[in-house]
Amino acid sequence: TADALLSVNTAPSAGDWASQLQNV
């Protein structure tokens, strides 16, 4: 599987604490 969809934790320094679906 290429460009797999996974929930990646965002950096708190960016002002977000949620995970974001990304092609990783």
PDBML (XML) file of the C-alpha atoms, coordinates in Angstrom:
<?xml version="1.0" encoding="UTF-8" ?>
<PDBx:datablock datablockName="MODEL"
   xmlns:PDBx="http://pdbml.pdb.org/schema/pdbx-v50.xsd"
   xmlns:xsi="http://www.w3.org/2001/XMLSchema-instance"
   xsi:schemaLocation="http://pdbml.pdb.org/schema/pdbx-v50.xsd pdbx-v50.xsd">
   <PDBx:atom_siteCategory>
      <PDBx:atom_site id="1">
         <PDBx:B_iso_or_equiv>0.00</PDBx:B_iso_or_equiv>
         <PDBx:Cartn_x>0.000</PDBx:Cartn_x>
         <PDBx:Cartn_y>0.000</PDBx:Cartn_y>
         <PDBx:Cartn_z>0.000</PDBx:Cartn_z>
         <PDBx:auth_asym_id>A</PDBx:auth_asym_id>
         <PDBx:auth_atom_id>CA</PDBx:auth_atom_id>
         <PDBx:auth_comp_id>THR</PDBx:auth_comp_id>
         <PDBx:auth_seq_id>1</PDBx:auth_seq_id>
         <PDBx:group_PDB>ATOM</PDBx:group_PDB>
         <PDBx:label_alt_id xsi:nil="true" />
         <PDBx:label_asym_id>A</PDBx:label_asym_id>
         <PDBx:label_atom_id>CA</PDBx:label_atom_id>
         <PDBx:label_comp_id>THR</PDBx:label_comp_id>
         <PDBx:label_entity_id>1</PDBx:label_entity_id>
         <PDBx:label_seq_id>1</PDBx:label_seq_id>
         <PDBx:occupancy>1.00</PDBx:occupancy>
         <PDBx:pdbx_PDB_model_num>1</PDBx:pdbx_PDB_model_num>
         <PDBx:type_symbol>C</PDBx:type_symbol>
      </PDBx:atom_site>
      <PDBx:atom_site id="2">
         <PDBx:B_iso_or_equiv>0.00</PDBx:B_iso_or_equiv>
         <PDBx:Cartn_x>1.409</PDBx:Cartn_x>
         <PDBx:Cartn_y>3.355</PDBx:Cartn_y>
         <PDBx:Cartn_z>-1.081</PDBx:Cartn_z>
         <PDBx:auth_asym_id>A</PDBx:auth_asym_id>
         <PDBx:auth_atom_id>CA</PDBx:auth_atom_id>
         <PDBx:auth_comp_id>ALA</PDBx:auth_comp_id>
         <PDBx:auth_seq_id>2</PDBx:auth_seq_id>
         <PDBx:group_PDB>ATOM</PDBx:group_PDB>
         <PDBx:label_alt_id xsi:nil="true" />
         <PDBx:label_asym_id>A</PDBx:label_asym_id>
         <PDBx:label_atom_id>CA</PDBx:label_atom_id>
         <PDBx:label_comp_id>ALA</PDBx:label_comp_id>
         <PDBx:label_entity_id>1</PDBx:label_entity_id>
         <PDBx:label_seq_id>2</PDBx:label_seq_id>
         <PDBx:occupancy>1.00</PDBx:occupancy>
         <PDBx:pdbx_PDB_model_num>1</PDBx:pdbx_PDB_model_num>
         <PDBx:type_symbol>C</PDBx:type_symbol>
      </PDBx:atom_site>
      <PDBx:atom_site id="3">
         <PDBx:B_iso_or_equiv>0.00</PDBx:B_iso_or_equiv>
         <PDBx:Cartn_x>0.350</PDBx:Cartn_x>
         <PDBx:Cartn_y>6.722</PDBx:Cartn_y>
         <PDBx:Cartn_z>0.329</PDBx:Cartn_z>
         <PDBx:auth_asym_id>A</PDBx:auth_asym_id>
         <PDBx:auth_atom_id>CA</PDBx:auth_atom_id>
         <PDBx:auth_comp_id>ASP</PDBx:auth_comp_id>
         <PDBx:auth_seq_id>3</PDBx:auth_seq_id>
         <PDBx:group_PDB>ATOM</PDBx:group_PDB>
         <PDBx:label_alt_id xsi:nil="true" />
         <PDBx:label_asym_id>A</PDBx:label_asym_id>
         <PDBx:label_atom_id>CA</PDBx:label_atom_id>
         <PDBx:label_comp_id>ASP</PDBx:label_comp_id>
         <PDBx:label_entity_id>1</PDBx:label_entity_id>
         <PDBx:label_seq_id>3</PDBx:label_seq_id>
         <PDBx:occupancy>1.00</PDBx:occupancy>
         <PDBx:pdbx_PDB_model_num>1</PDBx:pdbx_PDB_model_num>
         <PDBx:type_symbol>C</PDBx:type_symbol>
      </PDBx:atom_site>
      <PDBx:atom_site id="4">
         <PDBx:B_iso_or_equiv>0.00</PDBx:B_iso_or_equiv>
         <PDBx:Cartn_x>-1.135</PDBx:Cartn_x>
         <PDBx:Cartn_y>4.844</PDBx:Cartn_y>
         <PDBx:Cartn_z>3.296</PDBx:Cartn_z>
         <PDBx:auth_asym_id>A</PDBx:auth_asym_id>
         <PDBx:auth_atom_id>CA</PDBx:auth_atom_id>
         <PDBx:auth_comp_id>ALA</PDBx:auth_comp_id>
         <PDBx:auth_seq_id>4</PDBx:auth_seq_id>
         <PDBx:group_PDB>ATOM</PDBx:group_PDB>
         <PDBx:label_alt_id xsi:nil="true" />
         <PDBx:label_asym_id>A</PDBx:label_asym_id>
         <PDBx:label_atom_id>CA</PDBx:label_atom_id>
         <PDBx:label_comp_id>ALA</PDBx:label_comp_id>
         <PDBx:label_entity_id>1</PDBx:label_entity_id>
         <PDBx:label_seq_id>4</PDBx:label_seq_id>
         <PDBx:occupancy>1.00</PDBx:occupancy>
         <PDBx:pdbx_PDB_model_num>1</PDBx:pdbx_PDB_model_num>
         <PDBx:type_symbol>C</PDBx:type_symbol>
      </PDBx:atom_site>
      <PDBx:atom_site id="5">
         <PDBx:B_iso_or_equiv>0.00</PDBx:B_iso_or_equiv>
         <PDBx:Cartn_x>-3.747</PDBx:Cartn_x>
         <PDBx:Cartn_y>6.794</PDBx:Cartn_y>
         <PDBx:Cartn_z>5.280</PDBx:Cartn_z>
         <PDBx:auth_asym_id>A</PDBx:auth_asym_id>
         <PDBx:auth_atom_id>CA</PDBx:auth_atom_id>
         <PDBx:auth_comp_id>LEU</PDBx:auth_comp_id>
         <PDBx:auth_seq_id>5</PDBx:auth_seq_id>
         <PDBx:group_PDB>ATOM</PDBx:group_PDB>
         <PDBx:label_alt_id xsi:nil="true" />
         <PDBx:label_asym_id>A</PDBx:label_asym_id>
         <PDBx:label_atom_id>CA</PDBx:label_atom_id>
         <PDBx:label_comp_id>LEU</PDBx:label_comp_id>
         <PDBx:label_entity_id>1</PDBx:label_entity_id>
         <PDBx:label_seq_id>5</PDBx:label_seq_id>
         <PDBx:occupancy>1.00</PDBx:occupancy>
         <PDBx:pdbx_PDB_model_num>1</PDBx:pdbx_PDB_model_num>
         <PDBx:type_symbol>C</PDBx:type_symbol>
      </PDBx:atom_site>
      <PDBx:atom_site id="6">
         <PDBx:B_iso_or_equiv>0.00</PDBx:B_iso_or_equiv>
         <PDBx:Cartn_x>-2.671</PDBx:Cartn_x>
         <PDBx:Cartn_y>6.992</PDBx:Cartn_y>
         <PDBx:Cartn_z>8.924</PDBx:Cartn_z>
         <PDBx:auth_asym_id>A</PDBx:auth_asym_id>
         <PDBx:auth_atom_id>CA</PDBx:auth_atom_id>
         <PDBx:auth_comp_id>LEU</PDBx:auth_comp_id>
         <PDBx:auth_seq_id>6</PDBx:auth_seq_id>
         <PDBx:group_PDB>ATOM</PDBx:group_PDB>
         <PDBx:label_alt_id xsi:nil="true" />
         <PDBx:label_asym_id>A</PDBx:label_asym_id>
         <PDBx:label_atom_id>CA</PDBx:label_atom_id>
         <PDBx:label_comp_id>LEU</PDBx:label_comp_id>
         <PDBx:label_entity_id>1</PDBx:label_entity_id>
         <PDBx:label_seq_id>6</PDBx:label_seq_id>
         <PDBx:occupancy>1.00</PDBx:occupancy>
         <PDBx:pdbx_PDB_model_num>1</PDBx:pdbx_PDB_model_num>
         <PDBx:type_symbol>C</PDBx:type_symbol>
      </PDBx:atom_site>
      <PDBx:atom_site id="7">
         <PDBx:B_iso_or_equiv>0.00</PDBx:B_iso_or_equiv>
         <PDBx:Cartn_x>-3.625</PDBx:Cartn_x>
         <PDBx:Cartn_y>9.307</PDBx:Cartn_y>
         <PDBx:Cartn_z>11.790</PDBx:Cartn_z>
         <PDBx:auth_asym_id>A</PDBx:auth_asym_id>
         <PDBx:auth_atom_id>CA</PDBx:auth_atom_id>
         <PDBx:auth_comp_id>SER</PDBx:auth_comp_id>
         <PDBx:auth_seq_id>7</PDBx:auth_seq_id>
         <PDBx:group_PDB>ATOM</PDBx:group_PDB>
         <PDBx:label_alt_id xsi:nil="true" />
         <PDBx:label_asym_id>A</PDBx:label_asym_id>
         <PDBx:label_atom_id>CA</PDBx:label_atom_id>
         <PDBx:label_comp_id>SER</PDBx:label_comp_id>
         <PDBx:label_entity_id>1</PDBx:label_entity_id>
         <PDBx:label_seq_id>7</PDBx:label_seq_id>
         <PDBx:occupancy>1.00</PDBx:occupancy>
         <PDBx:pdbx_PDB_model_num>1</PDBx:pdbx_PDB_model_num>
         <PDBx:type_symbol>C</PDBx:type_symbol>
      </PDBx:atom_site>
      <PDBx:atom_site id="8">
         <PDBx:B_iso_or_equiv>0.00</PDBx:B_iso_or_equiv>
         <PDBx:Cartn_x>-0.425</PDBx:Cartn_x>
         <PDBx:Cartn_y>11.218</PDBx:Cartn_y>
         <PDBx:Cartn_z>12.608</PDBx:Cartn_z>
         <PDBx:auth_asym_id>A</PDBx:auth_asym_id>
         <PDBx:auth_atom_id>CA</PDBx:auth_atom_id>
         <PDBx:auth_comp_id>VAL</PDBx:auth_comp_id>
         <PDBx:auth_seq_id>8</PDBx:auth_seq_id>
         <PDBx:group_PDB>ATOM</PDBx:group_PDB>
         <PDBx:label_alt_id xsi:nil="true" />
         <PDBx:label_asym_id>A</PDBx:label_asym_id>
         <PDBx:label_atom_id>CA</PDBx:label_atom_id>
         <PDBx:label_comp_id>VAL</PDBx:label_comp_id>
         <PDBx:label_entity_id>1</PDBx:label_entity_id>
         <PDBx:label_seq_id>8</PDBx:label_seq_id>
         <PDBx:occupancy>1.00</PDBx:occupancy>
         <PDBx:pdbx_PDB_model_num>1</PDBx:pdbx_PDB_model_num>
         <PDBx:type_symbol>C</PDBx:type_symbol>
      </PDBx:atom_site>
      <PDBx:atom_site id="9">
         <PDBx:B_iso_or_equiv>0.00</PDBx:B_iso_or_equiv>
         <PDBx:Cartn_x>-0.127</PDBx:Cartn_x>
         <PDBx:Cartn_y>13.213</PDBx:Cartn_y>
         <PDBx:Cartn_z>15.823</PDBx:Cartn_z>
         <PDBx:auth_asym_id>A</PDBx:auth_asym_id>
         <PDBx:auth_atom_id>CA</PDBx:auth_atom_id>
         <PDBx:auth_comp_id>ASN</PDBx:auth_comp_id>
         <PDBx:auth_seq_id>9</PDBx:auth_seq_id>
         <PDBx:group_PDB>ATOM</PDBx:group_PDB>
         <PDBx:label_alt_id xsi:nil="true" />
         <PDBx:label_asym_id>A</PDBx:label_asym_id>
         <PDBx:label_atom_id>CA</PDBx:label_atom_id>
         <PDBx:label_comp_id>ASN</PDBx:label_comp_id>
         <PDBx:label_entity_id>1</PDBx:label_entity_id>
         <PDBx:label_seq_id>9</PDBx:label_seq_id>
         <PDBx:occupancy>1.00</PDBx:occupancy>
         <PDBx:pdbx_PDB_model_num>1</PDBx:pdbx_PDB_model_num>
         <PDBx:type_symbol>C</PDBx:type_symbol>
      </PDBx:atom_site>
      <PDBx:atom_site id="10">
         <PDBx:B_iso_or_equiv>0.00</PDBx:B_iso_or_equiv>
         <PDBx:Cartn_x>0.411</PDBx:Cartn_x>
         <PDBx:Cartn_y>16.902</PDBx:Cartn_y>
         <PDBx:Cartn_z>15.164</PDBx:Cartn_z>
         <PDBx:auth_asym_id>A</PDBx:auth_asym_id>
         <PDBx:auth_atom_id>CA</PDBx:auth_atom_id>
         <PDBx:auth_comp_id>THR</PDBx:auth_comp_id>
         <PDBx:auth_seq_id>10</PDBx:auth_seq_id>
         <PDBx:group_PDB>ATOM</PDBx:group_PDB>
         <PDBx:label_alt_id xsi:nil="true" />
         <PDBx:label_asym_id>A</PDBx:label_asym_id>
         <PDBx:label_atom_id>CA</PDBx:label_atom_id>
         <PDBx:label_comp_id>THR</PDBx:label_comp_id>
         <PDBx:label_entity_id>1</PDBx:label_entity_id>
         <PDBx:label_seq_id>10</PDBx:label_seq_id>
         <PDBx:occupancy>1.00</PDBx:occupancy>
         <PDBx:pdbx_PDB_model_num>1</PDBx:pdbx_PDB_model_num>
         <PDBx:type_symbol>C</PDBx:type_symbol>
      </PDBx:atom_site>
      <PDBx:atom_site id="11">
         <PDBx:B_iso_or_equiv>0.00</PDBx:B_iso_or_equiv>
         <PDBx:Cartn_x>3.077</PDBx:Cartn_x>
         <PDBx:Cartn_y>18.884</PDBx:Cartn_y>
         <PDBx:Cartn_z>16.987</PDBx:Cartn_z>
         <PDBx:auth_asym_id>A</PDBx:auth_asym_id>
         <PDBx:auth_atom_id>CA</PDBx:auth_atom_id>
         <PDBx:auth_comp_id>ALA</PDBx:auth_comp_id>
         <PDBx:auth_seq_id>11</PDBx:auth_seq_id>
         <PDBx:group_PDB>ATOM</PDBx:group_PDB>
         <PDBx:label_alt_id xsi:nil="true" />
         <PDBx:label_asym_id>A</PDBx:label_asym_id>
         <PDBx:label_atom_id>CA</PDBx:label_atom_id>
         <PDBx:label_comp_id>ALA</PDBx:label_comp_id>
         <PDBx:label_entity_id>1</PDBx:label_entity_id>
         <PDBx:label_seq_id>11</PDBx:label_seq_id>
         <PDBx:occupancy>1.00</PDBx:occupancy>
         <PDBx:pdbx_PDB_model_num>1</PDBx:pdbx_PDB_model_num>
         <PDBx:type_symbol>C</PDBx:type_symbol>
      </PDBx:atom_site>
      <PDBx:atom_site id="12">
         <PDBx:B_iso_or_equiv>0.00</PDBx:B_iso_or_equiv>
         <PDBx:Cartn_x>1.718</PDBx:Cartn_x>
         <PDBx:Cartn_y>20.796</PDBx:Cartn_y>
         <PDBx:Cartn_z>20.026</PDBx:Cartn_z>
         <PDBx:auth_asym_id>A</PDBx:auth_asym_id>
         <PDBx:auth_atom_id>CA</PDBx:auth_atom_id>
         <PDBx:auth_comp_id>PRO</PDBx:auth_comp_id>
         <PDBx:auth_seq_id>12</PDBx:auth_seq_id>
         <PDBx:group_PDB>ATOM</PDBx:group_PDB>
         <PDBx:label_alt_id xsi:nil="true" />
         <PDBx:label_asym_id>A</PDBx:label_asym_id>
         <PDBx:label_atom_id>CA</PDBx:label_atom_id>
         <PDBx:label_comp_id>PRO</PDBx:label_comp_id>
         <PDBx:label_entity_id>1</PDBx:label_entity_id>
         <PDBx:label_seq_id>12</PDBx:label_seq_id>
         <PDBx:occupancy>1.00</PDBx:occupancy>
         <PDBx:pdbx_PDB_model_num>1</PDBx:pdbx_PDB_model_num>
         <PDBx:type_symbol>C</PDBx:type_symbol>
      </PDBx:atom_site>
      <PDBx:atom_site id="13">
         <PDBx:B_iso_or_equiv>0.00</PDBx:B_iso_or_equiv>
         <PDBx:Cartn_x>3.948</PDBx:Cartn_x>
         <PDBx:Cartn_y>23.703</PDBx:Cartn_y>
         <PDBx:Cartn_z>18.999</PDBx:Cartn_z>
         <PDBx:auth_asym_id>A</PDBx:auth_asym_id>
         <PDBx:auth_atom_id>CA</PDBx:auth_atom_id>
         <PDBx:auth_comp_id>SER</PDBx:auth_comp_id>
         <PDBx:auth_seq_id>13</PDBx:auth_seq_id>
         <PDBx:group_PDB>ATOM</PDBx:group_PDB>
         <PDBx:label_alt_id xsi:nil="true" />
         <PDBx:label_asym_id>A</PDBx:label_asym_id>
         <PDBx:label_atom_id>CA</PDBx:label_atom_id>
         <PDBx:label_comp_id>SER</PDBx:label_comp_id>
         <PDBx:label_entity_id>1</PDBx:label_entity_id>
         <PDBx:label_seq_id>13</PDBx:label_seq_id>
         <PDBx:occupancy>1.00</PDBx:occupancy>
         <PDBx:pdbx_PDB_model_num>1</PDBx:pdbx_PDB_model_num>
         <PDBx:type_symbol>C</PDBx:type_symbol>
      </PDBx:atom_site>
      <PDBx:atom_site id="14">
         <PDBx:B_iso_or_equiv>0.00</PDBx:B_iso_or_equiv>
         <PDBx:Cartn_x>1.680</PDBx:Cartn_x>
         <PDBx:Cartn_y>24.140</PDBx:Cartn_y>
         <PDBx:Cartn_z>15.975</PDBx:Cartn_z>
         <PDBx:auth_asym_id>A</PDBx:auth_asym_id>
         <PDBx:auth_atom_id>CA</PDBx:auth_atom_id>
         <PDBx:auth_comp_id>ALA</PDBx:auth_comp_id>
         <PDBx:auth_seq_id>14</PDBx:auth_seq_id>
         <PDBx:group_PDB>ATOM</PDBx:group_PDB>
         <PDBx:label_alt_id xsi:nil="true" />
         <PDBx:label_asym_id>A</PDBx:label_asym_id>
         <PDBx:label_atom_id>CA</PDBx:label_atom_id>
         <PDBx:label_comp_id>ALA</PDBx:label_comp_id>
         <PDBx:label_entity_id>1</PDBx:label_entity_id>
         <PDBx:label_seq_id>14</PDBx:label_seq_id>
         <PDBx:occupancy>1.00</PDBx:occupancy>
         <PDBx:pdbx_PDB_model_num>1</PDBx:pdbx_PDB_model_num>
         <PDBx:type_symbol>C</PDBx:type_symbol>
      </PDBx:atom_site>
      <PDBx:atom_site id="15">
         <PDBx:B_iso_or_equiv>0.00</PDBx:B_iso_or_equiv>
         <PDBx:Cartn_x>-1.237</PDBx:Cartn_x>
         <PDBx:Cartn_y>24.887</PDBx:Cartn_y>
         <PDBx:Cartn_z>18.285</PDBx:Cartn_z>
         <PDBx:auth_asym_id>A</PDBx:auth_asym_id>
         <PDBx:auth_atom_id>CA</PDBx:auth_atom_id>
         <PDBx:auth_comp_id>GLY</PDBx:auth_comp_id>
         <PDBx:auth_seq_id>15</PDBx:auth_seq_id>
         <PDBx:group_PDB>ATOM</PDBx:group_PDB>
         <PDBx:label_alt_id xsi:nil="true" />
         <PDBx:label_asym_id>A</PDBx:label_asym_id>
         <PDBx:label_atom_id>CA</PDBx:label_atom_id>
         <PDBx:label_comp_id>GLY</PDBx:label_comp_id>
         <PDBx:label_entity_id>1</PDBx:label_entity_id>
         <PDBx:label_seq_id>15</PDBx:label_seq_id>
         <PDBx:occupancy>1.00</PDBx:occupancy>
         <PDBx:pdbx_PDB_model_num>1</PDBx:pdbx_PDB_model_num>
         <PDBx:type_symbol>C</PDBx:type_symbol>
      </PDBx:atom_site>
      <PDBx:atom_site id="16">
         <PDBx:B_iso_or_equiv>0.00</PDBx:B_iso_or_equiv>
         <PDBx:Cartn_x>-2.993</PDBx:Cartn_x>
         <PDBx:Cartn_y>21.562</PDBx:Cartn_y>
         <PDBx:Cartn_z>17.661</PDBx:Cartn_z>
         <PDBx:auth_asym_id>A</PDBx:auth_asym_id>
         <PDBx:auth_atom_id>CA</PDBx:auth_atom_id>
         <PDBx:auth_comp_id>ASP</PDBx:auth_comp_id>
         <PDBx:auth_seq_id>16</PDBx:auth_seq_id>
         <PDBx:group_PDB>ATOM</PDBx:group_PDB>
         <PDBx:label_alt_id xsi:nil="true" />
         <PDBx:label_asym_id>A</PDBx:label_asym_id>
         <PDBx:label_atom_id>CA</PDBx:label_atom_id>
         <PDBx:label_comp_id>ASP</PDBx:label_comp_id>
         <PDBx:label_entity_id>1</PDBx:label_entity_id>
         <PDBx:label_seq_id>16</PDBx:label_seq_id>
         <PDBx:occupancy>1.00</PDBx:occupancy>
         <PDBx:pdbx_PDB_model_num>1</PDBx:pdbx_PDB_model_num>
         <PDBx:type_symbol>C</PDBx:type_symbol>
      </PDBx:atom_site>
      <PDBx:atom_site id="17">
         <PDBx:B_iso_or_equiv>0.00</PDBx:B_iso_or_equiv>
         <PDBx:Cartn_x>-3.354</PDBx:Cartn_x>
         <PDBx:Cartn_y>18.539</PDBx:Cartn_y>
         <PDBx:Cartn_z>19.930</PDBx:Cartn_z>
         <PDBx:auth_asym_id>A</PDBx:auth_asym_id>
         <PDBx:auth_atom_id>CA</PDBx:auth_atom_id>
         <PDBx:auth_comp_id>TRP</PDBx:auth_comp_id>
         <PDBx:auth_seq_id>17</PDBx:auth_seq_id>
         <PDBx:group_PDB>ATOM</PDBx:group_PDB>
         <PDBx:label_alt_id xsi:nil="true" />
         <PDBx:label_asym_id>A</PDBx:label_asym_id>
         <PDBx:label_atom_id>CA</PDBx:label_atom_id>
         <PDBx:label_comp_id>TRP</PDBx:label_comp_id>
         <PDBx:label_entity_id>1</PDBx:label_entity_id>
         <PDBx:label_seq_id>17</PDBx:label_seq_id>
         <PDBx:occupancy>1.00</PDBx:occupancy>
         <PDBx:pdbx_PDB_model_num>1</PDBx:pdbx_PDB_model_num>
         <PDBx:type_symbol>C</PDBx:type_symbol>
      </PDBx:atom_site>
      <PDBx:atom_site id="18">
         <PDBx:B_iso_or_equiv>0.00</PDBx:B_iso_or_equiv>
         <PDBx:Cartn_x>-5.392</PDBx:Cartn_x>
         <PDBx:Cartn_y>16.294</PDBx:Cartn_y>
         <PDBx:Cartn_z>17.650</PDBx:Cartn_z>
         <PDBx:auth_asym_id>A</PDBx:auth_asym_id>
         <PDBx:auth_atom_id>CA</PDBx:auth_atom_id>
         <PDBx:auth_comp_id>ALA</PDBx:auth_comp_id>
         <PDBx:auth_seq_id>18</PDBx:auth_seq_id>
         <PDBx:group_PDB>ATOM</PDBx:group_PDB>
         <PDBx:label_alt_id xsi:nil="true" />
         <PDBx:label_asym_id>A</PDBx:label_asym_id>
         <PDBx:label_atom_id>CA</PDBx:label_atom_id>
         <PDBx:label_comp_id>ALA</PDBx:label_comp_id>
         <PDBx:label_entity_id>1</PDBx:label_entity_id>
         <PDBx:label_seq_id>18</PDBx:label_seq_id>
         <PDBx:occupancy>1.00</PDBx:occupancy>
         <PDBx:pdbx_PDB_model_num>1</PDBx:pdbx_PDB_model_num>
         <PDBx:type_symbol>C</PDBx:type_symbol>
      </PDBx:atom_site>
      <PDBx:atom_site id="19">
         <PDBx:B_iso_or_equiv>0.00</PDBx:B_iso_or_equiv>
         <PDBx:Cartn_x>-4.200</PDBx:Cartn_x>
         <PDBx:Cartn_y>13.697</PDBx:Cartn_y>
         <PDBx:Cartn_z>15.161</PDBx:Cartn_z>
         <PDBx:auth_asym_id>A</PDBx:auth_asym_id>
         <PDBx:auth_atom_id>CA</PDBx:auth_atom_id>
         <PDBx:auth_comp_id>SER</PDBx:auth_comp_id>
         <PDBx:auth_seq_id>19</PDBx:auth_seq_id>
         <PDBx:group_PDB>ATOM</PDBx:group_PDB>
         <PDBx:label_alt_id xsi:nil="true" />
         <PDBx:label_asym_id>A</PDBx:label_asym_id>
         <PDBx:label_atom_id>CA</PDBx:label_atom_id>
         <PDBx:label_comp_id>SER</PDBx:label_comp_id>
         <PDBx:label_entity_id>1</PDBx:label_entity_id>
         <PDBx:label_seq_id>19</PDBx:label_seq_id>
         <PDBx:occupancy>1.00</PDBx:occupancy>
         <PDBx:pdbx_PDB_model_num>1</PDBx:pdbx_PDB_model_num>
         <PDBx:type_symbol>C</PDBx:type_symbol>
      </PDBx:atom_site>
      <PDBx:atom_site id="20">
         <PDBx:B_iso_or_equiv>0.00</PDBx:B_iso_or_equiv>
         <PDBx:Cartn_x>-4.533</PDBx:Cartn_x>
         <PDBx:Cartn_y>14.311</PDBx:Cartn_y>
         <PDBx:Cartn_z>11.438</PDBx:Cartn_z>
         <PDBx:auth_asym_id>A</PDBx:auth_asym_id>
         <PDBx:auth_atom_id>CA</PDBx:auth_atom_id>
         <PDBx:auth_comp_id>GLN</PDBx:auth_comp_id>
         <PDBx:auth_seq_id>20</PDBx:auth_seq_id>
         <PDBx:group_PDB>ATOM</PDBx:group_PDB>
         <PDBx:label_alt_id xsi:nil="true" />
         <PDBx:label_asym_id>A</PDBx:label_asym_id>
         <PDBx:label_atom_id>CA</PDBx:label_atom_id>
         <PDBx:label_comp_id>GLN</PDBx:label_comp_id>
         <PDBx:label_entity_id>1</PDBx:label_entity_id>
         <PDBx:label_seq_id>20</PDBx:label_seq_id>
         <PDBx:occupancy>1.00</PDBx:occupancy>
         <PDBx:pdbx_PDB_model_num>1</PDBx:pdbx_PDB_model_num>
         <PDBx:type_symbol>C</PDBx:type_symbol>
      </PDBx:atom_site>
      <PDBx:atom_site id="21">
         <PDBx:B_iso_or_equiv>0.00</PDBx:B_iso_or_equiv>
         <PDBx:Cartn_x>-5.040</PDBx:Cartn_x>
         <PDBx:Cartn_y>11.793</PDBx:Cartn_y>
         <PDBx:Cartn_z>8.659</PDBx:Cartn_z>
         <PDBx:auth_asym_id>A</PDBx:auth_asym_id>
         <PDBx:auth_atom_id>CA</PDBx:auth_atom_id>
         <PDBx:auth_comp_id>LEU</PDBx:auth_comp_id>
         <PDBx:auth_seq_id>21</PDBx:auth_seq_id>
         <PDBx:group_PDB>ATOM</PDBx:group_PDB>
         <PDBx:label_alt_id xsi:nil="true" />
         <PDBx:label_asym_id>A</PDBx:label_asym_id>
         <PDBx:label_atom_id>CA</PDBx:label_atom_id>
         <PDBx:label_comp_id>LEU</PDBx:label_comp_id>
         <PDBx:label_entity_id>1</PDBx:label_entity_id>
         <PDBx:label_seq_id>21</PDBx:label_seq_id>
         <PDBx:occupancy>1.00</PDBx:occupancy>
         <PDBx:pdbx_PDB_model_num>1</PDBx:pdbx_PDB_model_num>
         <PDBx:type_symbol>C</PDBx:type_symbol>
      </PDBx:atom_site>
      <PDBx:atom_site id="22">
         <PDBx:B_iso_or_equiv>0.00</PDBx:B_iso_or_equiv>
         <PDBx:Cartn_x>-2.057</PDBx:Cartn_x>
         <PDBx:Cartn_y>11.895</PDBx:Cartn_y>
         <PDBx:Cartn_z>6.297</PDBx:Cartn_z>
         <PDBx:auth_asym_id>A</PDBx:auth_asym_id>
         <PDBx:auth_atom_id>CA</PDBx:auth_atom_id>
         <PDBx:auth_comp_id>GLN</PDBx:auth_comp_id>
         <PDBx:auth_seq_id>22</PDBx:auth_seq_id>
         <PDBx:group_PDB>ATOM</PDBx:group_PDB>
         <PDBx:label_alt_id xsi:nil="true" />
         <PDBx:label_asym_id>A</PDBx:label_asym_id>
         <PDBx:label_atom_id>CA</PDBx:label_atom_id>
         <PDBx:label_comp_id>GLN</PDBx:label_comp_id>
         <PDBx:label_entity_id>1</PDBx:label_entity_id>
         <PDBx:label_seq_id>22</PDBx:label_seq_id>
         <PDBx:occupancy>1.00</PDBx:occupancy>
         <PDBx:pdbx_PDB_model_num>1</PDBx:pdbx_PDB_model_num>
         <PDBx:type_symbol>C</PDBx:type_symbol>
      </PDBx:atom_site>
      <PDBx:atom_site id="23">
         <PDBx:B_iso_or_equiv>0.00</PDBx:B_iso_or_equiv>
         <PDBx:Cartn_x>-0.717</PDBx:Cartn_x>
         <PDBx:Cartn_y>9.953</PDBx:Cartn_y>
         <PDBx:Cartn_z>3.339</PDBx:Cartn_z>
         <PDBx:auth_asym_id>A</PDBx:auth_asym_id>
         <PDBx:auth_atom_id>CA</PDBx:auth_atom_id>
         <PDBx:auth_comp_id>ASN</PDBx:auth_comp_id>
         <PDBx:auth_seq_id>23</PDBx:auth_seq_id>
         <PDBx:group_PDB>ATOM</PDBx:group_PDB>
         <PDBx:label_alt_id xsi:nil="true" />
         <PDBx:label_asym_id>A</PDBx:label_asym_id>
         <PDBx:label_atom_id>CA</PDBx:label_atom_id>
         <PDBx:label_comp_id>ASN</PDBx:label_comp_id>
         <PDBx:label_entity_id>1</PDBx:label_entity_id>
         <PDBx:label_seq_id>23</PDBx:label_seq_id>
         <PDBx:occupancy>1.00</PDBx:occupancy>
         <PDBx:pdbx_PDB_model_num>1</PDBx:pdbx_PDB_model_num>
         <PDBx:type_symbol>C</PDBx:type_symbol>
      </PDBx:atom_site>
      <PDBx:atom_site id="24">
         <PDBx:B_iso_or_equiv>0.00</PDBx:B_iso_or_equiv>
         <PDBx:Cartn_x>2.401</PDBx:Cartn_x>
         <PDBx:Cartn_y>8.520</PDBx:Cartn_y>
         <PDBx:Cartn_z>4.943</PDBx:Cartn_z>
         <PDBx:auth_asym_id>A</PDBx:auth_asym_id>
         <PDBx:auth_atom_id>CA</PDBx:auth_atom_id>
         <PDBx:auth_comp_id>VAL</PDBx:auth_comp_id>
         <PDBx:auth_seq_id>24</PDBx:auth_seq_id>
         <PDBx:group_PDB>ATOM</PDBx:group_PDB>
         <PDBx:label_alt_id xsi:nil="true" />
         <PDBx:label_asym_id>A</PDBx:label_asym_id>
         <PDBx:label_atom_id>CA</PDBx:label_atom_id>
         <PDBx:label_comp_id>VAL</PDBx:label_comp_id>
         <PDBx:label_entity_id>1</PDBx:label_entity_id>
         <PDBx:label_seq_id>24</PDBx:label_seq_id>
         <PDBx:occupancy>1.00</PDBx:occupancy>
         <PDBx:pdbx_PDB_model_num>1</PDBx:pdbx_PDB_model_num>
         <PDBx:type_symbol>C</PDBx:type_symbol>
      </PDBx:atom_site>
   </PDBx:atom_siteCategory>
</PDBx:datablock>
